[in-house]
Amino acid sequence: MSTNSARRAVVSVATGPYMAAQAGLLSSLIEAGWSGRMLTWTNQLPPGSPRHEQAPYGFKLYAIAEALRRGHSSVLWLDAPCVATKPLDPIFERIEHDGHCFVSGDERLGNWASDDCLAAFGIPRDAAMEMSLLNGAFIGLDLEHSRTREWFRRITQQCEAGLFKGAALTEHAPPDVRARNVDKDTGHLSDDPRCWGHRHDEAVGSCLAPLLGMDFTPVGDLFDFGRSSSAIVRYDAP
């Protein structure tokens, strides 16, 4: 096994209704020829992780931290509903070349960050409306890169400081957005009608990335939402 292969790992956490989806993810990784480590937590959280109610989606950071503790510095986080359709080598090559692999679609940070989140980074909402939103279903990190380590340090710090907290939707969310998120909580996060909710890890990570010069890859070839037949990993909504 090469040095790069030995330090690579796919990580994922699943609880409740997502456990069946995670089983599908693991099967797809094997079928796609993945022979590296798969670190998964099923119906439990990684060591040290706060409860979801305390820090929504903070468990992702603790799963990645545990992978690093076990010697895996090149890490790909995949949400449970993801499916691998092809070998993952091109993804890890991108992670290790650039130090990270973040993907983004058409969503804007300004729609999905609370006032508190934007204020913590000194980002006006007008500016946030021009910024891409990181998609948290697919996060690639090479923690041997100093810039990536700093992003991970800061996002973990902000998670512990409570910046992941906030309602998933606000009263300003359009009807079609509400219809796609009927299981999400609603609360007031901003008087600005452009704030539709808070995306927790995605919002904080999106604020940090440009501060550190970390770019986003458009969804499509590496990751997509079941639309692209050529994508290496796709997200199949449960």
C-alpha atoms as a PDB file:
ATOM      1  CA  MET A   1       0.000   0.000   0.000  1.00  0.00           C
ATOM      2  CA  SER A   2       1.365   3.431  -0.961  1.00  0.00           C
ATOM      3  CA  THR A   3       1.975   6.147   1.612  1.00  0.00           C
ATOM      4  CA  ASN A   4      -0.918   8.165   0.211  1.00  0.00           C
ATOM      5  CA  SER A   5      -3.280   5.182   0.294  1.00  0.00           C
ATOM      6  CA  ALA A   6      -2.365   4.410   3.888  1.00  0.00           C
ATOM      7  CA  ARG A   7      -3.259   7.897   5.070  1.00  0.00           C
ATOM      8  CA  ARG A   8      -6.563   8.130   3.178  1.00  0.00           C
ATOM      9  CA  ALA A   9      -9.911   7.540   4.844  1.00  0.00           C
ATOM     10  CA  VAL A  10     -13.596   8.016   4.115  1.00  0.00           C
ATOM     11  CA  VAL A  11     -15.588   9.038   7.188  1.00  0.00           C
ATOM     12  CA  SER A  12     -19.323   9.150   7.846  1.00  0.00           C
ATOM     13  CA  VAL A  13     -21.812   9.300  10.722  1.00  0.00           C
ATOM     14  CA  ALA A  14     -25.418   8.099  10.624  1.00  0.00           C
ATOM     15  CA  THR A  15     -28.182   8.027  13.192  1.00  0.00           C
ATOM     16  CA  GLY A  16     -31.910   7.363  13.032  1.00  0.00           C
ATOM     17  CA  PRO A  17     -33.350   7.133   9.509  1.00  0.00           C
ATOM     18  CA  TYR A  18     -29.941   7.716   7.921  1.00  0.00           C
ATOM     19  CA  MET A  19     -28.511   4.390   9.080  1.00  0.00           C
ATOM     20  CA  ALA A  20     -29.972   2.483   6.117  1.00  0.00           C
ATOM     21  CA  ALA A  21     -28.543   5.075   3.731  1.00  0.00           C
ATOM     22  CA  GLN A  22     -25.111   4.682   5.307  1.00  0.00           C
ATOM     23  CA  ALA A  23     -25.225   0.936   4.630  1.00  0.00           C
ATOM     24  CA  GLY A  24     -25.816   1.791   0.979  1.00  0.00           C
ATOM     25  CA  LEU A  25     -22.860   4.177   1.000  1.00  0.00           C
ATOM     26  CA  LEU A  26     -20.533   1.503   2.359  1.00  0.00           C
ATOM     27  CA  SER A  27     -21.714  -1.021  -0.233  1.00  0.00           C
ATOM     28  CA  SER A  28     -21.178   1.487  -3.019  1.00  0.00           C
ATOM     29  CA  LEU A  29     -17.629   2.221  -1.852  1.00  0.00           C
ATOM     30  CA  ILE A  30     -16.760  -1.469  -2.024  1.00  0.00           C
ATOM     31  CA  GLU A  31     -18.366  -1.813  -5.449  1.00  0.00           C
ATOM     32  CA  ALA A  32     -16.408   1.224  -6.651  1.00  0.00           C
ATOM     33  CA  GLY A  33     -13.171  -0.491  -5.636  1.00  0.00           C
ATOM     34  CA  TRP A  34     -12.385   1.459  -2.486  1.00  0.00           C
ATOM     35  CA  SER A  35      -9.868  -0.515  -0.429  1.00  0.00           C
ATOM     36  CA  GLY A  36      -8.844   2.218   1.993  1.00  0.00           C
ATOM     37  CA  ARG A  37     -10.154   2.877   5.464  1.00  0.00           C
ATOM     38  CA  MET A  38     -13.834   3.521   6.076  1.00  0.00           C
ATOM     39  CA  LEU A  39     -14.386   5.081   9.501  1.00  0.00           C
ATOM     40  CA  THR A  40     -18.075   5.097  10.297  1.00  0.00           C
ATOM     41  CA  TRP A  41     -20.244   5.677  13.332  1.00  0.00           C
ATOM     42  CA  THR A  42     -23.700   4.137  13.224  1.00  0.00           C
ATOM     43  CA  ASN A  43     -26.325   5.158  15.778  1.00  0.00           C
ATOM     44  CA  GLN A  44     -23.577   6.793  17.809  1.00  0.00           C
ATOM     45  CA  LEU A  45     -21.356   9.858  17.634  1.00  0.00           C
ATOM     46  CA  PRO A  46     -17.552  10.088  17.357  1.00  0.00           C
ATOM     47  CA  PRO A  47     -15.487  10.491  20.529  1.00  0.00           C
ATOM     48  CA  GLY A  48     -15.931  13.874  22.166  1.00  0.00           C
ATOM     49  CA  SER A  49     -18.691  15.007  19.842  1.00  0.00           C
ATOM     50  CA  PRO A  50     -21.428  17.221  21.271  1.00  0.00           C
ATOM     51  CA  ARG A  51     -25.012  16.155  20.725  1.00  0.00           C
ATOM     52  CA  HIS A  52     -26.643  17.309  17.519  1.00  0.00           C
ATOM     53  CA  GLU A  53     -28.927  19.582  19.527  1.00  0.00           C
ATOM     54  CA  GLN A  54     -25.916  21.313  21.095  1.00  0.00           C
ATOM     55  CA  ALA A  55     -23.958  21.826  17.872  1.00  0.00           C
ATOM     56  CA  PRO A  56     -25.844  20.792  14.736  1.00  0.00           C
ATOM     57  CA  TYR A  57     -23.604  18.711  12.467  1.00  0.00           C
ATOM     58  CA  GLY A  58     -20.611  19.277  14.699  1.00  0.00           C
ATOM     59  CA  PHE A  59     -20.120  15.510  14.699  1.00  0.00           C
ATOM     60  CA  LYS A  60     -18.514  15.840  11.255  1.00  0.00           C
ATOM     61  CA  LEU A  61     -15.561  17.674  12.774  1.00  0.00           C
ATOM     62  CA  TYR A  62     -15.108  15.095  15.512  1.00  0.00           C
ATOM     63  CA  ALA A  63     -15.236  12.251  13.003  1.00  0.00           C
ATOM     64  CA  ILE A  64     -12.507  13.944  10.970  1.00  0.00           C
ATOM     65  CA  ALA A  65     -10.484  14.604  14.133  1.00  0.00           C
ATOM     66  CA  GLU A  66     -10.705  10.926  15.081  1.00  0.00           C
ATOM     67  CA  ALA A  67      -9.542   9.908  11.606  1.00  0.00           C
ATOM     68  CA  LEU A  68      -6.546  12.218  12.012  1.00  0.00           C
ATOM     69  CA  ARG A  69      -5.839  10.776  15.465  1.00  0.00           C
ATOM     70  CA  ARG A  70      -5.714   7.331  13.862  1.00  0.00           C
ATOM     71  CA  GLY A  71      -3.137   8.494  11.318  1.00  0.00           C
ATOM     72  CA  HIS A  72      -5.370   9.388   8.386  1.00  0.00           C
ATOM     73  CA  SER A  73      -4.536  12.919   7.310  1.00  0.00           C
ATOM     74  CA  SER A  74      -6.230  12.759   3.893  1.00  0.00           C
ATOM     75  CA  VAL A  75      -9.924  12.562   4.717  1.00  0.00           C
ATOM     76  CA  LEU A  76     -13.146  12.606   2.732  1.00  0.00           C
ATOM     77  CA  TRP A  77     -16.320  13.231   4.706  1.00  0.00           C
ATOM     78  CA  LEU A  78     -19.450  11.849   3.002  1.00  0.00           C
ATOM     79  CA  ASP A  79     -23.008  12.248   4.260  1.00  0.00           C
ATOM     80  CA  ALA A  80     -24.818   8.942   4.669  1.00  0.00           C
ATOM     81  CA  PRO A  81     -27.040   9.382   1.566  1.00  0.00           C
ATOM     82  CA  CYS A  82     -23.990   9.672  -0.715  1.00  0.00           C
ATOM     83  CA  VAL A  83     -23.234   6.921  -3.223  1.00  0.00           C
ATOM     84  CA  ALA A  84     -19.854   6.247  -4.836  1.00  0.00           C
ATOM     85  CA  THR A  85     -20.225   5.420  -8.512  1.00  0.00           C
ATOM     86  CA  LYS A  86     -16.566   5.312  -9.565  1.00  0.00           C
ATOM     87  CA  PRO A  87     -13.118   4.916  -7.984  1.00  0.00           C
ATOM     88  CA  LEU A  88     -12.313   7.764  -5.603  1.00  0.00           C
ATOM     89  CA  ASP A  89      -8.685   8.260  -6.683  1.00  0.00           C
ATOM     90  CA  PRO A  90      -9.346  11.504  -8.638  1.00  0.00           C
ATOM     91  CA  ILE A  91     -11.033  13.010  -5.582  1.00  0.00           C
ATOM     92  CA  PHE A  92      -8.162  12.190  -3.251  1.00  0.00           C
ATOM     93  CA  GLU A  93      -5.647  13.395  -5.832  1.00  0.00           C
ATOM     94  CA  ARG A  94      -7.472  16.763  -5.851  1.00  0.00           C
ATOM     95  CA  ILE A  95      -7.567  16.824  -2.049  1.00  0.00           C
ATOM     96  CA  GLU A  96      -3.854  16.153  -1.769  1.00  0.00           C
ATOM     97  CA  HIS A  97      -2.852  18.529  -4.560  1.00  0.00           C
ATOM     98  CA  ASP A  98      -4.896  21.507  -3.337  1.00  0.00           C
ATOM     99  CA  GLY A  99      -5.044  20.644   0.349  1.00  0.00           C
ATOM    100  CA  HIS A 100      -8.835  20.483   0.266  1.00  0.00           C
ATOM    101  CA  CYS A 101     -11.808  19.749  -1.947  1.00  0.00           C
ATOM    102  CA  PHE A 102     -14.895  21.848  -1.263  1.00  0.00           C
ATOM    103  CA  VAL A 103     -17.887  21.785  -3.615  1.00  0.00           C
ATOM    104  CA  SER A 104     -20.633  24.305  -4.140  1.00  0.00           C
ATOM    105  CA  GLY A 105     -23.737  24.664  -6.265  1.00  0.00           C
ATOM    106  CA  ASP A 106     -25.825  27.768  -6.858  1.00  0.00           C
ATOM    107  CA  GLU A 107     -26.702  28.480  -3.222  1.00  0.00           C
ATOM    108  CA  ARG A 108     -25.567  31.737  -1.637  1.00  0.00           C
ATOM    109  CA  LEU A 109     -24.048  32.112   1.807  1.00  0.00           C
ATOM    110  CA  GLY A 110     -26.229  35.186   2.371  1.00  0.00           C
ATOM    111  CA  ASN A 111     -29.383  33.087   2.268  1.00  0.00           C
ATOM    112  CA  TRP A 112     -28.070  30.510   4.708  1.00  0.00           C
ATOM    113  CA  ALA A 113     -26.146  32.273   7.475  1.00  0.00           C
ATOM    114  CA  SER A 114     -27.504  33.846  10.637  1.00  0.00           C
ATOM    115  CA  ASP A 115     -26.755  37.434  11.591  1.00  0.00           C
ATOM    116  CA  ASP A 116     -24.546  36.111  14.404  1.00  0.00           C
ATOM    117  CA  CYS A 117     -22.521  33.982  11.999  1.00  0.00           C
ATOM    118  CA  LEU A 118     -21.875  36.761   9.508  1.00  0.00           C
ATOM    119  CA  ALA A 119     -21.106  39.246  12.293  1.00  0.00           C
ATOM    120  CA  ALA A 120     -18.501  36.895  13.766  1.00  0.00           C
ATOM    121  CA  PHE A 121     -16.531  37.177  10.526  1.00  0.00           C
ATOM    122  CA  GLY A 122     -17.349  40.805   9.742  1.00  0.00           C
ATOM    123  CA  ILE A 123     -19.171  39.879   6.535  1.00  0.00           C
ATOM    124  CA  PRO A 124     -22.083  42.157   5.509  1.00  0.00           C
ATOM    125  CA  ARG A 125     -25.094  40.286   4.120  1.00  0.00           C
ATOM    126  CA  ASP A 126     -24.772  42.162   0.830  1.00  0.00           C
ATOM    127  CA  ALA A 127     -21.302  40.676   0.457  1.00  0.00           C
ATOM    128  CA  ALA A 128     -22.497  37.251   1.615  1.00  0.00           C
ATOM    129  CA  MET A 129     -25.078  37.235  -1.186  1.00  0.00           C
ATOM    130  CA  GLU A 130     -22.143  37.170  -3.616  1.00  0.00           C
ATOM    131  CA  MET A 131     -20.415  34.271  -1.822  1.00  0.00           C
ATOM    132  CA  SER A 132     -20.854  30.569  -2.520  1.00  0.00           C
ATOM    133  CA  LEU A 133     -22.184  28.163   0.091  1.00  0.00           C
ATOM    134  CA  LEU A 134     -20.049  25.135   0.845  1.00  0.00           C
ATOM    135  CA  ASN A 135     -21.948  21.884   0.484  1.00  0.00           C
ATOM    136  CA  GLY A 136     -21.364  19.916   3.672  1.00  0.00           C
ATOM    137  CA  ALA A 137     -22.337  16.538   2.244  1.00  0.00           C
ATOM    138  CA  PHE A 138     -18.888  16.224   0.655  1.00  0.00           C
ATOM    139  CA  ILE A 139     -15.802  17.677   2.366  1.00  0.00           C
ATOM    140  CA  GLY A 140     -12.251  16.727   1.466  1.00  0.00           C
ATOM    141  CA  LEU A 141      -9.330  17.759   3.682  1.00  0.00           C
ATOM    142  CA  ASP A 142      -5.612  17.058   3.546  1.00  0.00           C
ATOM    143  CA  LEU A 143      -4.571  17.991   7.048  1.00  0.00           C
ATOM    144  CA  GLU A 144      -0.883  17.904   6.157  1.00  0.00           C
ATOM    145  CA  HIS A 145      -1.478  21.276   4.465  1.00  0.00           C
ATOM    146  CA  SER A 146      -1.057  24.195   6.878  1.00  0.00           C
ATOM    147  CA  ARG A 147      -3.924  26.199   5.374  1.00  0.00           C
ATOM    148  CA  THR A 148      -6.290  23.255   5.724  1.00  0.00           C
ATOM    149  CA  ARG A 149      -5.205  22.658   9.315  1.00  0.00           C
ATOM    150  CA  GLU A 150      -5.946  26.312  10.061  1.00  0.00           C
ATOM    151  CA  TRP A 151      -9.428  26.066   8.480  1.00  0.00           C
ATOM    152  CA  PHE A 152     -10.121  22.962  10.535  1.00  0.00           C
ATOM    153  CA  ARG A 153      -8.799  24.557  13.725  1.00  0.00           C
ATOM    154  CA  ARG A 154     -10.932  27.639  13.273  1.00  0.00           C
ATOM    155  CA  ILE A 155     -14.153  25.854  12.329  1.00  0.00           C
ATOM    156  CA  THR A 156     -13.767  23.562  15.339  1.00  0.00           C
ATOM    157  CA  GLN A 157     -13.166  26.593  17.536  1.00  0.00           C
ATOM    158  CA  GLN A 158     -16.324  28.270  16.214  1.00  0.00           C
ATOM    159  CA  CYS A 159     -18.327  25.078  16.699  1.00  0.00           C
ATOM    160  CA  GLU A 160     -17.225  24.925  20.327  1.00  0.00           C
ATOM    161  CA  ALA A 161     -18.072  28.636  20.705  1.00  0.00           C
ATOM    162  CA  GLY A 162     -21.671  27.927  19.648  1.00  0.00           C
ATOM    163  CA  LEU A 163     -21.656  29.393  16.144  1.00  0.00           C
ATOM    164  CA  PHE A 164     -23.209  26.262  14.633  1.00  0.00           C
ATOM    165  CA  LYS A 165     -26.396  26.937  16.604  1.00  0.00           C
ATOM    166  CA  GLY A 166     -29.403  28.425  14.862  1.00  0.00           C
ATOM    167  CA  ALA A 167     -32.682  27.395  13.277  1.00  0.00           C
ATOM    168  CA  ALA A 168     -32.449  25.579   9.960  1.00  0.00           C
ATOM    169  CA  LEU A 169     -35.186  27.834   8.512  1.00  0.00           C
ATOM    170  CA  THR A 170     -36.484  31.324   9.199  1.00  0.00           C
ATOM    171  CA  GLU A 171     -39.873  32.906   8.655  1.00  0.00           C
ATOM    172  CA  HIS A 172     -38.416  34.423   5.470  1.00  0.00           C
ATOM    173  CA  ALA A 173     -37.797  31.085   3.704  1.00  0.00           C
ATOM    174  CA  PRO A 174     -39.754  30.859   0.419  1.00  0.00           C
ATOM    175  CA  PRO A 175     -42.564  28.273   0.145  1.00  0.00           C
ATOM    176  CA  ASP A 176     -40.602  26.002  -2.191  1.00  0.00           C
ATOM    177  CA  VAL A 177     -37.674  25.949   0.256  1.00  0.00           C
ATOM    178  CA  ARG A 178     -40.045  25.104   3.110  1.00  0.00           C
ATOM    179  CA  ALA A 179     -41.621  22.331   1.039  1.00  0.00           C
ATOM    180  CA  ARG A 180     -38.219  20.681   0.592  1.00  0.00           C
ATOM    181  CA  ASN A 181     -37.400  20.970   4.300  1.00  0.00           C
ATOM    182  CA  VAL A 182     -40.610  20.039   6.091  1.00  0.00           C
ATOM    183  CA  ASP A 183     -38.685  18.290   8.876  1.00  0.00           C
ATOM    184  CA  LYS A 184     -36.502  21.306   9.726  1.00  0.00           C
ATOM    185  CA  ASP A 185     -36.979  23.647  12.678  1.00  0.00           C
ATOM    186  CA  THR A 186     -37.936  27.305  12.162  1.00  0.00           C
ATOM    187  CA  GLY A 187     -36.830  30.328  14.160  1.00  0.00           C
ATOM    188  CA  HIS A 188     -35.861  33.979  13.882  1.00  0.00           C
ATOM    189  CA  LEU A 189     -32.253  34.619  12.863  1.00  0.00           C
ATOM    190  CA  SER A 190     -32.394  37.966  11.097  1.00  0.00           C
ATOM    191  CA  ASP A 191     -34.732  40.795  10.176  1.00  0.00           C
ATOM    192  CA  ASP A 192     -33.274  40.646   6.672  1.00  0.00           C
ATOM    193  CA  PRO A 193     -35.686  38.737   4.389  1.00  0.00           C
ATOM    194  CA  ARG A 194     -32.760  37.329   2.454  1.00  0.00           C
ATOM    195  CA  CYS A 195     -31.872  35.138   5.440  1.00  0.00           C
ATOM    196  CA  TRP A 196     -33.756  31.878   4.891  1.00  0.00           C
ATOM    197  CA  GLY A 197     -32.020  29.863   7.612  1.00  0.00           C
ATOM    198  CA  HIS A 198     -28.683  28.819   9.073  1.00  0.00           C
ATOM    199  CA  ARG A 199     -26.680  25.956   7.567  1.00  0.00           C
ATOM    200  CA  HIS A 200     -24.504  25.416  10.638  1.00  0.00           C
ATOM    201  CA  ASP A 201     -21.216  23.808   9.481  1.00  0.00           C
ATOM    202  CA  GLU A 202     -21.756  24.916   5.882  1.00  0.00           C
ATOM    203  CA  ALA A 203     -22.251  28.564   6.854  1.00  0.00           C
ATOM    204  CA  VAL A 204     -19.232  28.753   9.161  1.00  0.00           C
ATOM    205  CA  GLY A 205     -17.021  26.817   6.752  1.00  0.00           C
ATOM    206  CA  SER A 206     -18.078  29.098   3.902  1.00  0.00           C
ATOM    207  CA  CYS A 207     -17.152  32.196   5.902  1.00  0.00           C
ATOM    208  CA  LEU A 208     -13.728  30.783   6.692  1.00  0.00           C
ATOM    209  CA  ALA A 209     -12.736  29.447   3.269  1.00  0.00           C
ATOM    210  CA  PRO A 210     -12.275  32.775   1.421  1.00  0.00           C
ATOM    211  CA  LEU A 211     -10.438  34.266   4.394  1.00  0.00           C
ATOM    212  CA  LEU A 212      -7.826  31.540   3.886  1.00  0.00           C
ATOM    213  CA  GLY A 213      -7.853  31.617   0.071  1.00  0.00           C
ATOM    214  CA  MET A 214      -9.590  28.240  -0.256  1.00  0.00           C
ATOM    215  CA  ASP A 215     -11.647  27.911  -3.422  1.00  0.00           C
ATOM    216  CA  PHE A 216     -14.737  25.846  -4.237  1.00  0.00           C
ATOM    217  CA  THR A 217     -15.212  23.314  -7.033  1.00  0.00           C
ATOM    218  CA  PRO A 218     -18.573  23.495  -8.845  1.00  0.00           C
ATOM    219  CA  VAL A 219     -20.761  20.453  -8.348  1.00  0.00           C
ATOM    220  CA  GLY A 220     -20.680  18.158 -11.363  1.00  0.00           C
ATOM    221  CA  ASP A 221     -17.739  15.861 -12.060  1.00  0.00           C
ATOM    222  CA  LEU A 222     -16.613  15.017  -8.538  1.00  0.00           C
ATOM    223  CA  PHE A 223     -19.923  15.376  -6.690  1.00  0.00           C
ATOM    224  CA  ASP A 224     -23.507  15.962  -7.737  1.00  0.00           C
ATOM    225  CA  PHE A 225     -27.076  15.472  -6.591  1.00  0.00           C
ATOM    226  CA  GLY A 226     -28.055  12.529  -8.751  1.00  0.00           C
ATOM    227  CA  ARG A 227     -28.201  14.733 -11.853  1.00  0.00           C
ATOM    228  CA  SER A 228     -24.824  13.930 -13.393  1.00  0.00           C
ATOM    229  CA  SER A 229     -24.173  10.403 -14.619  1.00  0.00           C
ATOM    230  CA  SER A 230     -20.454  11.199 -14.714  1.00  0.00           C
ATOM    231  CA  ALA A 231     -20.100  12.253 -11.067  1.00  0.00           C
ATOM    232  CA  ILE A 232     -17.790  10.114  -8.929  1.00  0.00           C
ATOM    233  CA  VAL A 233     -19.969  10.605  -5.863  1.00  0.00           C
ATOM    234  CA  ARG A 234     -23.634  11.574  -5.954  1.00  0.00           C
ATOM    235  CA  TYR A 235     -26.111  12.457  -3.251  1.00  0.00           C
ATOM    236  CA  ASP A 236     -29.260  10.364  -3.344  1.00  0.00           C
ATOM    237  CA  ALA A 237     -31.825  11.978  -1.056  1.00  0.00           C
ATOM    238  CA  PRO A 238     -33.501   9.382   1.204  1.00  0.00           C
END
